[in-house]
């Protein structure tokens, strides 16, 4: 359903925390040392999503329909400050 498109992200010193607005008791923590690349992408009418590509090759995508362009730009700045590669396939940052 729609709740699966409602992720948001918290970046702290050691990891990114992925949470969902409608399922607040569930969350995922991924440590930066496990991450090879972040990717922002979009598929046709679906919301923008953050895809996390881990060093082991596993890719997980998190659609974030509630984030505005301003929030995506701020998120990308914070990711870059962590020194992790960010690929903007959705061209939201240009």
Protein backbone atom coordinates (compact mmCIF):
# COMPACT_ATOMS: atom_id res chain seq x y z
CA UNK A 1 0.00 0.00 0.00
CA UNK A 2 0.73 3.65 0.20
CA UNK A 3 2.49 3.35 3.57
CA UNK A 4 5.35 1.54 1.86
CA UNK A 5 6.22 4.81 0.09
CA UNK A 6 6.50 6.86 3.27
CA UNK A 7 10.11 6.42 4.39
CA UNK A 8 12.28 9.08 5.93
CA UNK A 9 15.94 9.11 6.90
CA UNK A 10 17.99 10.13 9.90
CA UNK A 11 21.73 10.46 9.47
CA UNK A 12 23.82 10.25 12.61
CA UNK A 13 27.56 9.94 13.17
CA UNK A 14 27.85 6.23 12.41
CA UNK A 15 24.79 5.13 10.46
CA UNK A 16 21.67 6.03 8.53
CA UNK A 17 18.38 5.18 10.21
CA UNK A 18 15.47 4.39 7.90
CA UNK A 19 11.98 4.77 9.34
CA UNK A 20 8.42 4.75 8.04
CA UNK A 21 5.78 7.29 9.05
CA UNK A 22 3.04 4.68 9.35
CA UNK A 23 5.10 1.92 10.95
CA UNK A 24 7.13 3.90 13.52
CA UNK A 25 8.11 0.89 15.64
CA UNK A 26 10.04 -0.62 12.73
CA UNK A 27 13.32 0.85 11.59
CA UNK A 28 16.58 -0.16 10.00
CA UNK A 29 20.07 1.03 10.81
CA UNK A 30 22.78 0.71 8.18
CA UNK A 31 26.31 1.65 9.16
CA UNK A 32 28.21 3.85 6.73
CA UNK A 33 31.12 1.39 6.66
CA UNK A 34 28.70 -1.13 5.07
CA UNK A 35 27.61 1.27 2.30
CA UNK A 36 29.29 1.52 -1.08
CA UNK A 37 26.93 4.05 -2.68
CA UNK A 38 23.70 5.98 -2.27
CA UNK A 39 21.50 6.53 -5.31
CA UNK A 40 18.51 8.81 -5.74
CA UNK A 41 16.20 7.59 -8.48
CA UNK A 42 12.64 7.75 -9.70
CA UNK A 43 10.51 5.47 -11.85
CA UNK A 44 7.77 7.07 -13.93
CA UNK A 45 4.94 8.10 -11.54
CA UNK A 46 6.40 6.55 -8.42
CA UNK A 47 7.98 8.78 -5.76
CA UNK A 48 11.67 9.53 -5.51
CA UNK A 49 13.52 6.86 -3.62
CA UNK A 50 16.84 6.39 -1.92
CA UNK A 51 18.62 3.23 -2.95
CA UNK A 52 21.43 2.04 -0.71
CA UNK A 53 24.02 -0.20 -2.31
CA UNK A 54 26.03 -2.10 0.26
CA UNK A 55 29.61 -3.27 -0.12
CA UNK A 56 28.36 -6.86 -0.45
CA UNK A 57 26.33 -5.86 -3.54
CA UNK A 58 22.87 -5.90 -1.91
CA UNK A 59 20.59 -3.03 -2.97
CA UNK A 60 17.66 -1.80 -0.90
CA UNK A 61 15.29 0.97 -2.05
CA UNK A 62 13.23 3.25 0.15
CA UNK A 63 10.55 5.40 -1.54
CA UNK A 64 10.08 8.71 0.26
CA UNK A 65 6.95 10.37 -1.07
CA UNK A 66 6.78 12.97 1.70
CA UNK A 67 10.23 14.49 1.08
CA UNK A 68 10.23 17.73 -0.89
CA UNK A 69 12.99 18.71 -3.31
CA UNK A 70 14.45 20.91 -0.57
CA UNK A 71 14.69 17.87 1.72
CA UNK A 72 16.31 15.73 -0.98
CA UNK A 73 18.92 18.44 -1.54
CA UNK A 74 19.64 18.66 2.20
CA UNK A 75 19.84 14.86 2.45
CA UNK A 76 22.30 14.74 -0.46
CA UNK A 77 24.49 17.39 1.21
CA UNK A 78 24.54 15.37 4.42
CA UNK A 79 25.40 12.15 2.55
CA UNK A 80 28.25 13.84 0.69
CA UNK A 81 29.57 15.23 3.99
CA UNK A 82 29.88 11.62 5.20
CA UNK A 83 32.23 10.93 2.26
CA UNK A 84 30.02 8.33 0.61
CA UNK A 85 29.37 8.31 -3.13
CA UNK A 86 25.97 9.69 -4.18
CA UNK A 87 24.51 9.17 -7.65
CA UNK A 88 21.53 11.30 -8.68
CA UNK A 89 19.79 9.25 -11.38
CA UNK A 90 16.57 11.25 -10.91
CA UNK A 91 18.25 14.60 -11.67
CA UNK A 92 16.56 16.11 -8.64
CA UNK A 93 19.75 17.91 -7.57
CA UNK A 94 20.33 19.72 -10.85
